[in-house]
Amino acid sequence: MGTGRELVGTIVYAVGVWIGGGIAFLAPKLTEMPLQDERDSDLYNRASGLTLGVLFVVGLSVIPAIYVLEAAERVETPPEVNGAVLLASGLFLLWGVAYGIVKRR
């Protein structure tokens, strides 16, 4: 069976991600020195807004065209396209929920 190395690699990767995420989460809480200031937060907010804005505009432009072409039987979309559409939709839904939670706090 060929899953031994893949499984070990996945476990090593997952452990590394969790350790790195834990360090990134705990580092600001364990030090008295600020690791970021308002300039970093502003850059983060602008980059996040730009990323979501580009994804939104591209999605609004491309997704309806894909559905129309598929309904007209001009193209056959692979399952990966439907997965990407669902992923983008889920991302915006998650962002909206997170925004609502943060706004209410």
N, C-alpha and C. Protein backbone atom coordinates (compact mmCIF):
# COMPACT_ATOMS: atom_id res chain seq x y z
N MET A 1 0.85 -1.18 0.00
CA MET A 1 0.00 0.00 0.00
C MET A 1 0.89 1.24 0.00
N GLY A 2 0.56 2.22 -0.81
CA GLY A 2 1.42 3.38 -0.98
C GLY A 2 1.05 4.60 -0.16
N THR A 3 0.26 4.44 0.87
CA THR A 3 -0.18 5.62 1.63
C THR A 3 0.72 5.94 2.81
N GLY A 4 1.72 5.13 3.08
CA GLY A 4 2.56 5.35 4.25
C GLY A 4 3.29 6.68 4.24
N ARG A 5 4.02 6.95 3.17
CA ARG A 5 4.77 8.21 3.10
C ARG A 5 3.85 9.41 3.01
N GLU A 6 2.77 9.28 2.25
CA GLU A 6 1.83 10.40 2.12
C GLU A 6 1.20 10.73 3.47
N LEU A 7 0.84 9.69 4.23
CA LEU A 7 0.24 9.91 5.54
C LEU A 7 1.23 10.56 6.49
N VAL A 8 2.46 10.07 6.51
CA VAL A 8 3.49 10.66 7.37
C VAL A 8 3.74 12.10 6.97
N GLY A 9 3.84 12.37 5.68
CA GLY A 9 4.05 13.74 5.21
C GLY A 9 2.91 14.67 5.60
N THR A 10 1.69 14.17 5.48
CA THR A 10 0.53 14.98 5.86
C THR A 10 0.52 15.26 7.36
N ILE A 11 0.87 14.26 8.16
CA ILE A 11 0.91 14.46 9.61
C ILE A 11 1.99 15.47 9.98
N VAL A 12 3.18 15.33 9.39
CA VAL A 12 4.26 16.28 9.67
C VAL A 12 3.85 17.69 9.26
N TYR A 13 3.22 17.82 8.11
CA TYR A 13 2.75 19.13 7.64
C TYR A 13 1.72 19.71 8.61
N ALA A 14 0.73 18.90 9.01
CA ALA A 14 -0.32 19.39 9.90
C ALA A 14 0.25 19.81 11.25
N VAL A 15 1.17 19.02 11.79
CA VAL A 15 1.80 19.38 13.07
C VAL A 15 2.57 20.69 12.92
N GLY A 16 3.29 20.85 11.82
CA GLY A 16 4.02 22.09 11.58
C GLY A 16 3.11 23.30 11.47
N VAL A 17 1.98 23.11 10.79
CA VAL A 17 1.01 24.21 10.65
C VAL A 17 0.45 24.59 12.02
N TRP A 18 0.09 23.60 12.82
CA TRP A 18 -0.48 23.89 14.15
C TRP A 18 0.55 24.54 15.07
N ILE A 19 1.79 24.09 15.01
CA ILE A 19 2.83 24.71 15.84
C ILE A 19 3.08 26.14 15.38
N GLY A 20 3.21 26.34 14.07
CA GLY A 20 3.41 27.70 13.55
C GLY A 20 2.25 28.62 13.86
N GLY A 21 1.03 28.11 13.71
CA GLY A 21 -0.15 28.91 14.04
C GLY A 21 -0.21 29.24 15.52
N GLY A 22 0.16 28.27 16.35
CA GLY A 22 0.17 28.52 17.80
C GLY A 22 1.18 29.58 18.18
N ILE A 23 2.36 29.52 17.57
CA ILE A 23 3.38 30.53 17.84
C ILE A 23 2.89 31.90 17.38
N ALA A 24 2.31 31.96 16.19
CA ALA A 24 1.82 33.25 15.67
C ALA A 24 0.69 33.79 16.54
N PHE A 25 -0.13 32.91 17.11
CA PHE A 25 -1.23 33.35 17.96
C PHE A 25 -0.74 33.78 19.34
N LEU A 26 0.20 33.02 19.91
CA LEU A 26 0.64 33.29 21.28
C LEU A 26 1.72 34.36 21.38
N ALA A 27 2.51 34.56 20.35
CA ALA A 27 3.62 35.52 20.43
C ALA A 27 3.18 36.91 20.86
N PRO A 28 2.10 37.48 20.27
CA PRO A 28 1.70 38.81 20.72
C PRO A 28 1.20 38.84 22.16
N LYS A 29 0.70 37.72 22.66
CA LYS A 29 0.16 37.68 24.02
C LYS A 29 1.26 37.47 25.06
N LEU A 30 2.39 36.90 24.66
CA LEU A 30 3.45 36.57 25.60
C LEU A 30 4.54 37.63 25.69
N THR A 31 4.44 38.68 24.92
CA THR A 31 5.45 39.73 24.95
C THR A 31 4.79 41.07 25.29
N GLU A 32 5.56 41.90 25.95
CA GLU A 32 5.05 43.23 26.27
C GLU A 32 5.32 44.22 25.14
N MET A 33 6.23 43.87 24.25
CA MET A 33 6.55 44.73 23.12
C MET A 33 5.47 44.56 22.05
N PRO A 34 4.98 45.66 21.50
CA PRO A 34 4.01 45.52 20.40
C PRO A 34 4.70 44.99 19.14
N LEU A 35 4.08 43.99 18.52
CA LEU A 35 4.64 43.40 17.31
C LEU A 35 4.08 44.05 16.05
N GLN A 36 2.97 44.76 16.20
CA GLN A 36 2.36 45.48 15.09
C GLN A 36 1.85 46.81 15.61
N ASP A 37 1.75 47.77 14.70
CA ASP A 37 1.15 49.03 15.06
C ASP A 37 0.00 49.32 14.09
N GLU A 38 -0.56 50.53 14.19
CA GLU A 38 -1.72 50.86 13.37
C GLU A 38 -1.40 50.89 11.88
N ARG A 39 -0.15 51.15 11.51
CA ARG A 39 0.23 51.11 10.09
C ARG A 39 0.12 49.70 9.54
N ASP A 40 0.58 48.72 10.32
CA ASP A 40 0.46 47.33 9.89
C ASP A 40 -1.00 46.92 9.76
N SER A 41 -1.82 47.34 10.71
CA SER A 41 -3.25 47.02 10.65
C SER A 41 -3.90 47.66 9.44
N ASP A 42 -3.51 48.89 9.13
CA ASP A 42 -4.06 49.57 7.95
C ASP A 42 -3.67 48.85 6.66
N LEU A 43 -2.40 48.46 6.56
CA LEU A 43 -1.95 47.71 5.37
C LEU A 43 -2.69 46.38 5.25
N TYR A 44 -2.87 45.70 6.37
CA TYR A 44 -3.59 44.43 6.37
C TYR A 44 -5.03 44.62 5.90
N ASN A 45 -5.69 45.64 6.41
CA ASN A 45 -7.08 45.90 6.02
C ASN A 45 -7.18 46.27 4.54
N ARG A 46 -6.25 47.08 4.05
CA ARG A 46 -6.28 47.45 2.63
C ARG A 46 -6.02 46.25 1.73
N ALA A 47 -5.05 45.41 2.09
CA ALA A 47 -4.75 44.23 1.28
C ALA A 47 -5.92 43.24 1.30
N SER A 48 -6.54 43.07 2.45
CA SER A 48 -7.69 42.17 2.54
C SER A 48 -8.85 42.69 1.71
N GLY A 49 -9.11 43.98 1.80
CA GLY A 49 -10.18 44.58 1.01
C GLY A 49 -9.93 44.47 -0.48
N LEU A 50 -8.69 44.69 -0.89
CA LEU A 50 -8.34 44.58 -2.31
C LEU A 50 -8.51 43.14 -2.80
N THR A 51 -8.07 42.18 -2.01
CA THR A 51 -8.21 40.77 -2.39
C THR A 51 -9.66 40.38 -2.55
N LEU A 52 -10.48 40.72 -1.57
CA LEU A 52 -11.91 40.38 -1.65
C LEU A 52 -12.58 41.15 -2.78
N GLY A 53 -12.18 42.39 -3.00
CA GLY A 53 -12.77 43.18 -4.09
C GLY A 53 -12.47 42.59 -5.46
N VAL A 54 -11.23 42.17 -5.67
CA VAL A 54 -10.87 41.56 -6.95
C VAL A 54 -11.64 40.26 -7.14
N LEU A 55 -11.69 39.43 -6.11
CA LEU A 55 -12.43 38.17 -6.20
C LEU A 55 -13.91 38.43 -6.47
N PHE A 56 -14.47 39.45 -5.85
CA PHE A 56 -15.88 39.80 -6.04
C PHE A 56 -16.15 40.23 -7.48
N VAL A 57 -15.33 41.13 -8.01
CA VAL A 57 -15.54 41.63 -9.38
C VAL A 57 -15.35 40.52 -10.40
N VAL A 58 -14.30 39.72 -10.23
CA VAL A 58 -14.07 38.61 -11.16
C VAL A 58 -15.22 37.61 -11.06
N GLY A 59 -15.66 37.31 -9.85
CA GLY A 59 -16.77 36.38 -9.68
C GLY A 59 -18.05 36.87 -10.30
N LEU A 60 -18.37 38.15 -10.10
CA LEU A 60 -19.59 38.71 -10.69
C LEU A 60 -19.51 38.74 -12.21
N SER A 61 -18.32 38.83 -12.74
CA SER A 61 -18.16 38.87 -14.19
C SER A 61 -18.16 37.48 -14.82
N VAL A 62 -17.54 36.53 -14.17
CA VAL A 62 -17.30 35.22 -14.78
C VAL A 62 -18.39 34.20 -14.45
N ILE A 63 -18.84 34.14 -13.22
CA ILE A 63 -19.76 33.08 -12.80
C ILE A 63 -21.06 33.09 -13.59
N PRO A 64 -21.74 34.23 -13.78
CA PRO A 64 -22.96 34.19 -14.59
C PRO A 64 -22.70 33.74 -16.03
N ALA A 65 -21.58 34.17 -16.60
CA ALA A 65 -21.25 33.75 -17.97
C ALA A 65 -21.04 32.24 -18.04
N ILE A 66 -20.40 31.67 -17.04
CA ILE A 66 -20.20 30.22 -17.01
C ILE A 66 -21.55 29.50 -16.98
N TYR A 67 -22.46 29.97 -16.13
CA TYR A 67 -23.77 29.31 -16.02
C TYR A 67 -24.57 29.44 -17.31
N VAL A 68 -24.51 30.60 -17.97
CA VAL A 68 -25.23 30.78 -19.23
C VAL A 68 -24.65 29.87 -20.31
N LEU A 69 -23.33 29.83 -20.42
CA LEU A 69 -22.70 28.96 -21.42
C LEU A 69 -22.98 27.48 -21.14
N GLU A 70 -23.04 27.12 -19.88
CA GLU A 70 -23.35 25.74 -19.53
C GLU A 70 -24.80 25.41 -19.85
N ALA A 71 -25.72 26.34 -19.57
CA ALA A 71 -27.14 26.11 -19.87
C ALA A 71 -27.37 26.03 -21.37
N ALA A 72 -26.59 26.77 -22.15
CA ALA A 72 -26.70 26.73 -23.62
C ALA A 72 -25.94 25.54 -24.21
N GLU A 73 -25.36 24.72 -23.35
CA GLU A 73 -24.59 23.55 -23.75
C GLU A 73 -23.41 23.91 -24.66
N ARG A 74 -22.82 25.06 -24.42
CA ARG A 74 -21.62 25.49 -25.16
C ARG A 74 -20.36 24.99 -24.48
N VAL A 75 -20.40 24.90 -23.18
CA VAL A 75 -19.25 24.39 -22.41
C VAL A 75 -19.76 23.38 -21.39
N GLU A 76 -18.88 22.50 -21.03
CA GLU A 76 -19.16 21.54 -19.95
C GLU A 76 -18.17 21.87 -18.84
N THR A 77 -18.67 22.38 -17.74
CA THR A 77 -17.76 22.78 -16.67
C THR A 77 -17.36 21.57 -15.85
N PRO A 78 -16.08 21.46 -15.55
CA PRO A 78 -15.63 20.35 -14.71
C PRO A 78 -16.05 20.58 -13.25
N PRO A 79 -16.04 19.55 -12.45
CA PRO A 79 -16.43 19.69 -11.04
C PRO A 79 -15.55 20.69 -10.29
N GLU A 80 -14.31 20.88 -10.74
CA GLU A 80 -13.42 21.83 -10.06
C GLU A 80 -13.96 23.25 -10.15
N VAL A 81 -14.61 23.59 -11.26
CA VAL A 81 -15.17 24.93 -11.41
C VAL A 81 -16.31 25.12 -10.41
N ASN A 82 -17.18 24.13 -10.31
CA ASN A 82 -18.26 24.23 -9.33
C ASN A 82 -17.71 24.31 -7.91
N GLY A 83 -16.64 23.57 -7.66
CA GLY A 83 -16.00 23.65 -6.35
C GLY A 83 -15.42 25.02 -6.07
N ALA A 84 -14.82 25.64 -7.09
CA ALA A 84 -14.26 26.98 -6.92
C ALA A 84 -15.36 28.00 -6.67
N VAL A 85 -16.50 27.86 -7.36
CA VAL A 85 -17.63 28.76 -7.14
C VAL A 85 -18.15 28.61 -5.71
N LEU A 86 -18.29 27.37 -5.26
CA LEU A 86 -18.75 27.14 -3.88
C LEU A 86 -17.74 27.65 -2.87
N LEU A 87 -16.46 27.48 -3.15
CA LEU A 87 -15.42 27.98 -2.25
C LEU A 87 -15.48 29.50 -2.14
N ALA A 88 -15.59 30.19 -3.26
CA ALA A 88 -15.68 31.65 -3.24
C ALA A 88 -16.94 32.10 -2.52
N SER A 89 -18.05 31.43 -2.77
CA SER A 89 -19.30 31.77 -2.08
C SER A 89 -19.17 31.57 -0.58
N GLY A 90 -18.55 30.46 -0.20
CA GLY A 90 -18.33 30.20 1.22
C GLY A 90 -17.42 31.23 1.86
N LEU A 91 -16.40 31.66 1.12
CA LEU A 91 -15.49 32.68 1.63
C LEU A 91 -16.22 33.98 1.93
N PHE A 92 -17.07 34.42 0.99
CA PHE A 92 -17.81 35.65 1.22
C PHE A 92 -18.84 35.49 2.33
N LEU A 93 -19.46 34.33 2.44
CA LEU A 93 -20.40 34.08 3.53
C LEU A 93 -19.68 34.11 4.87
N LEU A 94 -18.54 33.46 4.95
CA LEU A 94 -17.75 33.47 6.18
C LEU A 94 -17.29 34.88 6.52
N TRP A 95 -16.85 35.63 5.52
CA TRP A 95 -16.42 37.01 5.76
C TRP A 95 -17.58 37.84 6.30
N GLY A 96 -18.77 37.68 5.72
CA GLY A 96 -19.93 38.43 6.19
C GLY A 96 -20.29 38.10 7.62
N VAL A 97 -20.24 36.83 7.98
CA VAL A 97 -20.54 36.43 9.36
C VAL A 97 -19.48 36.99 10.31
N ALA A 98 -18.21 36.87 9.94
CA ALA A 98 -17.13 37.39 10.78
C ALA A 98 -17.24 38.90 10.93
N TYR A 99 -17.57 39.59 9.86
CA TYR A 99 -17.73 41.04 9.91
C TYR A 99 -18.87 41.41 10.86
N GLY A 100 -19.98 40.69 10.77
CA GLY A 100 -21.11 40.96 11.66
C GLY A 100 -20.76 40.73 13.12
N ILE A 101 -20.01 39.67 13.40
CA ILE A 101 -19.60 39.39 14.78
C ILE A 101 -18.68 40.48 15.30
N VAL A 102 -17.69 40.85 14.50
CA VAL A 102 -16.73 41.88 14.93
C VAL A 102 -17.42 43.22 15.10
N LYS A 103 -18.36 43.54 14.23
CA LYS A 103 -19.06 44.83 14.31
C LYS A 103 -19.92 44.92 15.57
N ARG A 104 -20.49 43.82 15.99
CA ARG A 104 -21.37 43.83 17.17
C ARG A 104 -20.61 43.86 18.49
N ARG A 105 -19.33 43.54 18.47
CA ARG A 105 -18.55 43.53 19.72
C ARG A 105 -18.20 44.90 20.18
